[in-house]
Amino acid sequence: EISRAQDSLTDSLQKIFQTYPQYREIVRMVMFTVGRGGQGDVGQRIRDEILVIQ
């Protein structure tokens, strides 16, 4: 599911942010473009936003 993948990505980015201070600015920019992820209707909201863009 989209929200689960997004949540996993943000968790990985958080670990990189904490472990490698030299990459913090890049990770911060990536996190800004990805969003937060989450549970529940977040996946549906993401799909709805994709449809609006299309």
Protein backbone atom coordinates (compact mmCIF):
# COMPACT_ATOMS: atom_id res chain seq x y z
CA GLU A 1 0.00 0.00 0.00
CA ILE A 2 1.15 3.52 -0.75
CA SER A 3 0.96 4.86 2.80
CA ARG A 4 2.94 1.90 4.18
CA ALA A 5 5.69 2.37 1.59
CA GLN A 6 5.79 6.09 2.30
CA ASP A 7 5.99 5.43 6.04
CA SER A 8 8.86 2.99 5.50
CA LEU A 9 10.71 5.50 3.34
CA THR A 10 10.39 8.27 5.92
CA ASP A 11 11.65 5.89 8.63
CA SER A 12 14.71 5.09 6.51
CA LEU A 13 15.32 8.76 5.80
CA GLN A 14 15.08 9.52 9.51
CA LYS A 15 17.78 6.94 10.26
CA ILE A 16 20.03 8.42 7.56
CA PHE A 17 19.39 11.91 8.95
CA GLN A 18 20.48 10.82 12.44
CA THR A 19 23.43 8.69 11.36
CA TYR A 20 25.01 10.85 8.64
CA PRO A 21 25.00 14.55 9.58
CA GLN A 22 26.75 15.45 6.33
CA TYR A 23 23.62 14.40 4.38
CA ARG A 24 21.07 16.22 6.52
CA GLU A 25 20.35 19.00 4.05
CA ILE A 26 19.73 16.54 1.21
CA VAL A 27 17.60 14.27 3.41
CA ARG A 28 15.61 17.28 4.59
CA MET A 29 14.83 18.23 0.98
CA VAL A 30 13.82 14.66 0.11
CA MET A 31 11.57 14.45 3.17
CA PHE A 32 9.92 17.70 2.16
CA THR A 33 8.96 16.24 -1.23
CA VAL A 34 7.87 12.84 0.10
CA GLY A 35 5.50 13.81 2.89
CA ARG A 36 4.85 12.04 6.16
CA GLY A 37 3.16 8.73 5.41
CA GLY A 38 0.87 7.24 8.00
CA GLN A 39 -2.01 4.92 8.72
CA GLY A 40 -5.70 4.82 7.93
CA ASP A 41 -7.06 6.93 5.10
CA VAL A 42 -3.68 8.46 4.26
CA GLY A 43 -3.24 6.04 1.34
CA GLN A 44 -6.58 7.08 -0.10
CA ARG A 45 -5.69 10.75 0.30
CA ILE A 46 -2.44 10.14 -1.60
CA ARG A 47 -4.31 8.39 -4.41
CA ASP A 48 -6.81 11.26 -4.56
CA GLU A 49 -3.97 13.80 -4.82
CA ILE A 50 -2.39 11.79 -7.65
CA LEU A 51 -5.71 11.83 -9.53
CA VAL A 52 -5.95 15.60 -9.12
CA ILE A 53 -2.47 16.00 -10.62
CA GLN A 54 -3.35 13.76 -13.57
